Amino acid sequence: MALDPAFEKRMKQAESEVVREFHALDPDEVHREFTRVSDDLLRNARVTDFVPVLVHRQVRENLRVKSVPTA
């Protein structure tokens, strides 16, 4: 699936926001998670309009769970 430049820009912006929010984590880890989630969502997407927002939300949730210390 060919992605347009506006979509790519929104994806990069969403990733940058997550990297800023989770600044204590390695940016490469955030990038890997972002790539994994976006690949999963794009695999079966018929409409990509909401993918950047959905990826942003899912990555934040995943990283939040990973960053919570276990007792």
PDB file of N, CA and C in Angstrom:
ATOM      1  N   MET A   1       0.851  -1.176   0.000  1.00  0.00           N
ATOM      2  CA  MET A   1       0.000   0.000   0.000  1.00  0.00           C
ATOM      3  C   MET A   1       0.899   1.241   0.000  1.00  0.00           C
ATOM      4  N   ALA A   2       0.697   2.109  -0.965  1.00  0.00           N
ATOM      5  CA  ALA A   2       1.461   3.353  -1.043  1.00  0.00           C
ATOM      6  C   ALA A   2       0.858   4.374  -0.077  1.00  0.00           C
ATOM      7  N   LEU A   3       1.736   4.967   0.717  1.00  0.00           N
ATOM      8  CA  LEU A   3       1.281   5.953   1.701  1.00  0.00           C
ATOM      9  C   LEU A   3       1.669   7.346   1.224  1.00  0.00           C
ATOM     10  N   ASP A   4       0.741   8.274   1.347  1.00  0.00           N
ATOM     11  CA  ASP A   4       0.999   9.621   0.863  1.00  0.00           C
ATOM     12  C   ASP A   4       1.858  10.410   1.860  1.00  0.00           C
ATOM     13  N   PRO A   5       2.478  11.492   1.379  1.00  0.00           N
ATOM     14  CA  PRO A   5       3.355  12.293   2.236  1.00  0.00           C
ATOM     15  C   PRO A   5       2.647  12.869   3.471  1.00  0.00           C
ATOM     16  N   ALA A   6       1.395  13.232   3.341  1.00  0.00           N
ATOM     17  CA  ALA A   6       0.657  13.773   4.497  1.00  0.00           C
ATOM     18  C   ALA A   6       0.498  12.708   5.574  1.00  0.00           C
ATOM     19  N   PHE A   7       0.238  11.478   5.161  1.00  0.00           N
ATOM     20  CA  PHE A   7       0.119  10.369   6.110  1.00  0.00           C
ATOM     21  C   PHE A   7       1.451  10.138   6.809  1.00  0.00           C
ATOM     22  N   GLU A   8       2.523  10.100   6.032  1.00  0.00           N
ATOM     23  CA  GLU A   8       3.861   9.899   6.596  1.00  0.00           C
ATOM     24  C   GLU A   8       4.193  10.997   7.611  1.00  0.00           C
ATOM     25  N   LYS A   9       3.826  12.222   7.297  1.00  0.00           N
ATOM     26  CA  LYS A   9       4.086  13.343   8.199  1.00  0.00           C
ATOM     27  C   LYS A   9       3.322  13.169   9.509  1.00  0.00           C
ATOM     28  N   ARG A  10       2.047  12.754   9.422  1.00  0.00           N
ATOM     29  CA  ARG A  10       1.242  12.541  10.632  1.00  0.00           C
ATOM     30  C   ARG A  10       1.802  11.403  11.471  1.00  0.00           C
ATOM     31  N   MET A  11       2.309  10.363  10.820  1.00  0.00           N
ATOM     32  CA  MET A  11       2.901   9.237  11.554  1.00  0.00           C
ATOM     33  C   MET A  11       4.179   9.683  12.279  1.00  0.00           C
ATOM     34  N   LYS A  12       5.016  10.436  11.604  1.00  0.00           N
ATOM     35  CA  LYS A  12       6.252  10.922  12.226  1.00  0.00           C
ATOM     36  C   LYS A  12       5.941  11.859  13.392  1.00  0.00           C
ATOM     37  N   GLN A  13       4.940  12.703  13.226  1.00  0.00           N
ATOM     38  CA  GLN A  13       4.550  13.614  14.296  1.00  0.00           C
ATOM     39  C   GLN A  13       4.030  12.831  15.498  1.00  0.00           C
ATOM     40  N   ALA A  14       3.226  11.813  15.259  1.00  0.00           N
ATOM     41  CA  ALA A  14       2.697  10.991  16.347  1.00  0.00           C
ATOM     42  C   ALA A  14       3.834  10.278  17.074  1.00  0.00           C
ATOM     43  N   GLU A  15       4.790   9.757  16.323  1.00  0.00           N
ATOM     44  CA  GLU A  15       5.929   9.082  16.954  1.00  0.00           C
ATOM     45  C   GLU A  15       6.756  10.063  17.780  1.00  0.00           C
ATOM     46  N   SER A  16       6.980  11.253  17.260  1.00  0.00           N
ATOM     47  CA  SER A  16       7.746  12.264  17.997  1.00  0.00           C
ATOM     48  C   SER A  16       7.074  12.627  19.317  1.00  0.00           C
ATOM     49  N   GLU A  17       5.754  12.710  19.306  1.00  0.00           N
ATOM     50  CA  GLU A  17       5.014  13.025  20.535  1.00  0.00           C
ATOM     51  C   GLU A  17       5.199  11.926  21.575  1.00  0.00           C
ATOM     52  N   VAL A  18       5.165  10.672  21.137  1.00  0.00           N
ATOM     53  CA  VAL A  18       5.352   9.560  22.068  1.00  0.00           C
ATOM     54  C   VAL A  18       6.790   9.543  22.600  1.00  0.00           C
ATOM     55  N   VAL A  19       7.754   9.806  21.744  1.00  0.00           N
ATOM     56  CA  VAL A  19       9.155   9.858  22.180  1.00  0.00           C
ATOM     57  C   VAL A  19       9.333  10.942  23.234  1.00  0.00           C
ATOM     58  N   ARG A  20       8.715  12.103  23.023  1.00  0.00           N
ATOM     59  CA  ARG A  20       8.806  13.189  24.012  1.00  0.00           C
ATOM     60  C   ARG A  20       8.161  12.787  25.334  1.00  0.00           C
ATOM     61  N   GLU A  21       6.991  12.159  25.246  1.00  0.00           N
ATOM     62  CA  GLU A  21       6.277  11.773  26.462  1.00  0.00           C
ATOM     63  C   GLU A  21       7.045  10.723  27.258  1.00  0.00           C
ATOM     64  N   PHE A  22       7.691   9.805  26.568  1.00  0.00           N
ATOM     65  CA  PHE A  22       8.429   8.732  27.233  1.00  0.00           C
ATOM     66  C   PHE A  22       9.932   8.974  27.090  1.00  0.00           C
ATOM     67  N   HIS A  23      10.350  10.180  27.400  1.00  0.00           N
ATOM     68  CA  HIS A  23      11.747  10.592  27.231  1.00  0.00           C
ATOM     69  C   HIS A  23      12.720   9.753  28.053  1.00  0.00           C
ATOM     70  N   ALA A  24      12.239   9.105  29.105  1.00  0.00           N
ATOM     71  CA  ALA A  24      13.113   8.279  29.932  1.00  0.00           C
ATOM     72  C   ALA A  24      13.447   6.951  29.252  1.00  0.00           C
ATOM     73  N   LEU A  25      12.663   6.563  28.267  1.00  0.00           N
ATOM     74  CA  LEU A  25      12.912   5.319  27.546  1.00  0.00           C
ATOM     75  C   LEU A  25      13.837   5.579  26.360  1.00  0.00           C
ATOM     76  N   ASP A  26      14.478   4.526  25.914  1.00  0.00           N
ATOM     77  CA  ASP A  26      15.337   4.593  24.735  1.00  0.00           C
ATOM     78  C   ASP A  26      14.468   4.908  23.506  1.00  0.00           C
ATOM     79  N   PRO A  27      14.815   5.947  22.748  1.00  0.00           N
ATOM     80  CA  PRO A  27      14.022   6.293  21.562  1.00  0.00           C
ATOM     81  C   PRO A  27      13.922   5.140  20.557  1.00  0.00           C
ATOM     82  N   ASP A  28      14.955   4.289  20.507  1.00  0.00           N
ATOM     83  CA  ASP A  28      14.904   3.138  19.603  1.00  0.00           C
ATOM     84  C   ASP A  28      13.823   2.152  20.031  1.00  0.00           C
ATOM     85  N   GLU A  29      13.633   1.992  21.329  1.00  0.00           N
ATOM     86  CA  GLU A  29      12.578   1.116  21.830  1.00  0.00           C
ATOM     87  C   GLU A  29      11.204   1.663  21.440  1.00  0.00           C
ATOM     88  N   VAL A  30      11.051   2.964  21.585  1.00  0.00           N
ATOM     89  CA  VAL A  30       9.785   3.606  21.202  1.00  0.00           C
ATOM     90  C   VAL A  30       9.558   3.426  19.703  1.00  0.00           C
ATOM     91  N   HIS A  31      10.599   3.614  18.913  1.00  0.00           N
ATOM     92  CA  HIS A  31      10.488   3.464  17.458  1.00  0.00           C
ATOM     93  C   HIS A  31      10.100   2.034  17.085  1.00  0.00           C
ATOM     94  N   ARG A  32      10.740   1.052  17.715  1.00  0.00           N
ATOM     95  CA  ARG A  32      10.403  -0.350  17.428  1.00  0.00           C
ATOM     96  C   ARG A  32       8.941  -0.644  17.748  1.00  0.00           C
ATOM     97  N   GLU A  33       8.460  -0.150  18.893  1.00  0.00           N
ATOM     98  CA  GLU A  33       7.067  -0.373  19.278  1.00  0.00           C
ATOM     99  C   GLU A  33       6.128   0.340  18.308  1.00  0.00           C
ATOM    100  N   PHE A  34       6.490   1.549  17.922  1.00  0.00           N
ATOM    101  CA  PHE A  34       5.677   2.314  16.979  1.00  0.00           C
ATOM    102  C   PHE A  34       5.596   1.582  15.644  1.00  0.00           C
ATOM    103  N   THR A  35       6.715   1.076  15.170  1.00  0.00           N
ATOM    104  CA  THR A  35       6.754   0.339  13.910  1.00  0.00           C
ATOM    105  C   THR A  35       5.931  -0.935  14.000  1.00  0.00           C
ATOM    106  N   ARG A  36       6.056  -1.670  15.096  1.00  0.00           N
ATOM    107  CA  ARG A  36       5.324  -2.920  15.276  1.00  0.00           C
ATOM    108  C   ARG A  36       3.813  -2.679  15.243  1.00  0.00           C
ATOM    109  N   VAL A  37       3.357  -1.686  16.009  1.00  0.00           N
ATOM    110  CA  VAL A  37       1.928  -1.401  16.087  1.00  0.00           C
ATOM    111  C   VAL A  37       1.407  -0.868  14.754  1.00  0.00           C
ATOM    112  N   SER A  38       2.147   0.020  14.122  1.00  0.00           N
ATOM    113  CA  SER A  38       1.677   0.574  12.848  1.00  0.00           C
ATOM    114  C   SER A  38       1.634  -0.505  11.772  1.00  0.00           C
ATOM    115  N   ASP A  39       2.609  -1.400  11.739  1.00  0.00           N
ATOM    116  CA  ASP A  39       2.566  -2.501  10.773  1.00  0.00           C
ATOM    117  C   ASP A  39       1.340  -3.372  10.997  1.00  0.00           C
ATOM    118  N   ASP A  40       1.051  -3.670  12.255  1.00  0.00           N
ATOM    119  CA  ASP A  40      -0.128  -4.482  12.570  1.00  0.00           C
ATOM    120  C   ASP A  40      -1.415  -3.808  12.102  1.00  0.00           C
ATOM    121  N   LEU A  41      -1.544  -2.517  12.365  1.00  0.00           N
ATOM    122  CA  LEU A  41      -2.772  -1.812  11.993  1.00  0.00           C
ATOM    123  C   LEU A  41      -2.890  -1.605  10.477  1.00  0.00           C
ATOM    124  N   LEU A  42      -1.769  -1.352   9.829  1.00  0.00           N
ATOM    125  CA  LEU A  42      -1.810  -1.102   8.389  1.00  0.00           C
ATOM    126  C   LEU A  42      -2.014  -2.379   7.573  1.00  0.00           C
ATOM    127  N   ARG A  43      -1.656  -3.500   8.153  1.00  0.00           N
ATOM    128  CA  ARG A  43      -1.741  -4.766   7.424  1.00  0.00           C
ATOM    129  C   ARG A  43      -3.145  -4.997   6.850  1.00  0.00           C
ATOM    130  N   ASN A  44      -4.173  -4.731   7.625  1.00  0.00           N
ATOM    131  CA  ASN A  44      -5.535  -4.992   7.184  1.00  0.00           C
ATOM    132  C   ASN A  44      -6.376  -3.727   7.016  1.00  0.00           C
ATOM    133  N   ALA A  45      -5.736  -2.578   7.039  1.00  0.00           N
ATOM    134  CA  ALA A  45      -6.483  -1.320   6.971  1.00  0.00           C
ATOM    135  C   ALA A  45      -7.021  -1.071   5.567  1.00  0.00           C
ATOM    136  N   ARG A  46      -8.290  -0.761   5.516  1.00  0.00           N
ATOM    137  CA  ARG A  46      -8.889  -0.334   4.245  1.00  0.00           C
ATOM    138  C   ARG A  46      -8.878   1.184   4.166  1.00  0.00           C
ATOM    139  N   VAL A  47      -8.997   1.808   5.317  1.00  0.00           N
ATOM    140  CA  VAL A  47      -8.958   3.263   5.430  1.00  0.00           C
ATOM    141  C   VAL A  47      -7.837   3.590   6.418  1.00  0.00           C
ATOM    142  N   THR A  48      -6.950   4.491   6.027  1.00  0.00           N
ATOM    143  CA  THR A  48      -5.793   4.797   6.869  1.00  0.00           C
ATOM    144  C   THR A  48      -5.904   6.128   7.598  1.00  0.00           C
ATOM    145  N   ASP A  49      -7.025   6.816   7.449  1.00  0.00           N
ATOM    146  CA  ASP A  49      -7.179   8.148   8.027  1.00  0.00           C
ATOM    147  C   ASP A  49      -6.901   8.191   9.527  1.00  0.00           C
ATOM    148  N   PHE A  50      -7.331   7.180  10.245  1.00  0.00           N
ATOM    149  CA  PHE A  50      -7.218   7.193  11.699  1.00  0.00           C
ATOM    150  C   PHE A  50      -6.034   6.393  12.231  1.00  0.00           C
ATOM    151  N   VAL A  51      -5.262   5.786  11.351  1.00  0.00           N
ATOM    152  CA  VAL A  51      -4.147   4.943  11.790  1.00  0.00           C
ATOM    153  C   VAL A  51      -3.155   5.713  12.657  1.00  0.00           C
ATOM    154  N   PRO A  52      -2.720   6.927  12.299  1.00  0.00           N
ATOM    155  CA  PRO A  52      -1.764   7.621  13.171  1.00  0.00           C
ATOM    156  C   PRO A  52      -2.293   7.827  14.595  1.00  0.00           C
ATOM    157  N   VAL A  53      -3.560   8.162  14.722  1.00  0.00           N
ATOM    158  CA  VAL A  53      -4.151   8.377  16.045  1.00  0.00           C
ATOM    159  C   VAL A  53      -4.240   7.056  16.806  1.00  0.00           C
ATOM    160  N   LEU A  54      -4.641   6.009  16.127  1.00  0.00           N
ATOM    161  CA  LEU A  54      -4.767   4.706  16.767  1.00  0.00           C
ATOM    162  C   LEU A  54      -3.405   4.154  17.183  1.00  0.00           C
ATOM    163  N   VAL A  55      -2.403   4.322  16.322  1.00  0.00           N
ATOM    164  CA  VAL A  55      -1.049   3.867  16.655  1.00  0.00           C
ATOM    165  C   VAL A  55      -0.529   4.645  17.857  1.00  0.00           C
ATOM    166  N   HIS A  56      -0.711   5.954  17.836  1.00  0.00           N
ATOM    167  CA  HIS A  56      -0.259   6.808  18.937  1.00  0.00           C
ATOM    168  C   HIS A  56      -0.854   6.317  20.253  1.00  0.00           C
ATOM    169  N   ARG A  57      -2.140   6.067  20.251  1.00  0.00           N
ATOM    170  CA  ARG A  57      -2.826   5.628  21.479  1.00  0.00           C
ATOM    171  C   ARG A  57      -2.339   4.262  21.938  1.00  0.00           C
ATOM    172  N   GLN A  58      -2.230   3.311  21.006  1.00  0.00           N
ATOM    173  CA  GLN A  58      -1.834   1.952  21.373  1.00  0.00           C
ATOM    174  C   GLN A  58      -0.392   1.903  21.868  1.00  0.00           C
ATOM    175  N   VAL A  59       0.496   2.627  21.222  1.00  0.00           N
ATOM    176  CA  VAL A  59       1.907   2.647  21.646  1.00  0.00           C
ATOM    177  C   VAL A  59       2.025   3.265  23.036  1.00  0.00           C
ATOM    178  N   ARG A  60       1.301   4.346  23.281  1.00  0.00           N
ATOM    179  CA  ARG A  60       1.326   4.969  24.616  1.00  0.00           C
ATOM    180  C   ARG A  60       0.864   3.980  25.678  1.00  0.00           C
ATOM    181  N   GLU A  61      -0.224   3.262  25.395  1.00  0.00           N
ATOM    182  CA  GLU A  61      -0.724   2.277  26.352  1.00  0.00           C
ATOM    183  C   GLU A  61       0.294   1.161  26.579  1.00  0.00           C
ATOM    184  N   ASN A  62       0.884   0.658  25.504  1.00  0.00           N
ATOM    185  CA  ASN A  62       1.870  -0.413  25.624  1.00  0.00           C
ATOM    186  C   ASN A  62       3.092   0.032  26.418  1.00  0.00           C
ATOM    187  N   LEU A  63       3.592   1.233  26.125  1.00  0.00           N
ATOM    188  CA  LEU A  63       4.779   1.728  26.823  1.00  0.00           C
ATOM    189  C   LEU A  63       4.465   2.060  28.283  1.00  0.00           C
ATOM    190  N   ARG A  64       3.271   2.523  28.540  1.00  0.00           N
ATOM    191  CA  ARG A  64       2.873   2.813  29.915  1.00  0.00           C
ATOM    192  C   ARG A  64       2.910   1.526  30.749  1.00  0.00           C
ATOM    193  N   VAL A  65       2.406   0.452  30.183  1.00  0.00           N
ATOM    194  CA  VAL A  65       2.417  -0.832  30.894  1.00  0.00           C
ATOM    195  C   VAL A  65       3.851  -1.301  31.114  1.00  0.00           C
ATOM    196  N   LYS A  66       4.708  -1.150  30.103  1.00  0.00           N
ATOM    197  CA  LYS A  66       6.112  -1.571  30.219  1.00  0.00           C
ATOM    198  C   LYS A  66       6.879  -0.746  31.249  1.00  0.00           C
ATOM    199  N   SER A  67       6.527   0.532  31.382  1.00  0.00           N
ATOM    200  CA  SER A  67       7.306   1.420  32.245  1.00  0.00           C
ATOM    201  C   SER A  67       6.854   1.405  33.705  1.00  0.00           C
ATOM    202  N   VAL A  68       5.757   0.701  34.007  1.00  0.00           N
ATOM    203  CA  VAL A  68       5.283   0.609  35.392  1.00  0.00           C
ATOM    204  C   VAL A  68       6.156  -0.396  36.119  1.00  0.00           C
ATOM    205  N   PRO A  69       6.785   0.034  37.215  1.00  0.00           N
ATOM    206  CA  PRO A  69       7.621  -0.916  37.973  1.00  0.00           C
ATOM    207  C   PRO A  69       6.765  -2.016  38.615  1.00  0.00           C
ATOM    208  N   THR A  70       7.287  -3.216  38.558  1.00  0.00           N
ATOM    209  CA  THR A  70       6.579  -4.338  39.174  1.00  0.00           C
ATOM    210  C   THR A  70       7.063  -4.520  40.607  1.00  0.00           C
ATOM    211  N   ALA A  71       6.147  -4.905  41.473  1.00  0.00           N
ATOM    212  CA  ALA A  71       6.491  -5.066  42.900  1.00  0.00           C
ATOM    213  C   ALA A  71       6.959  -6.461  43.193  1.00  0.00           C
TER     214      ALA A  71
END
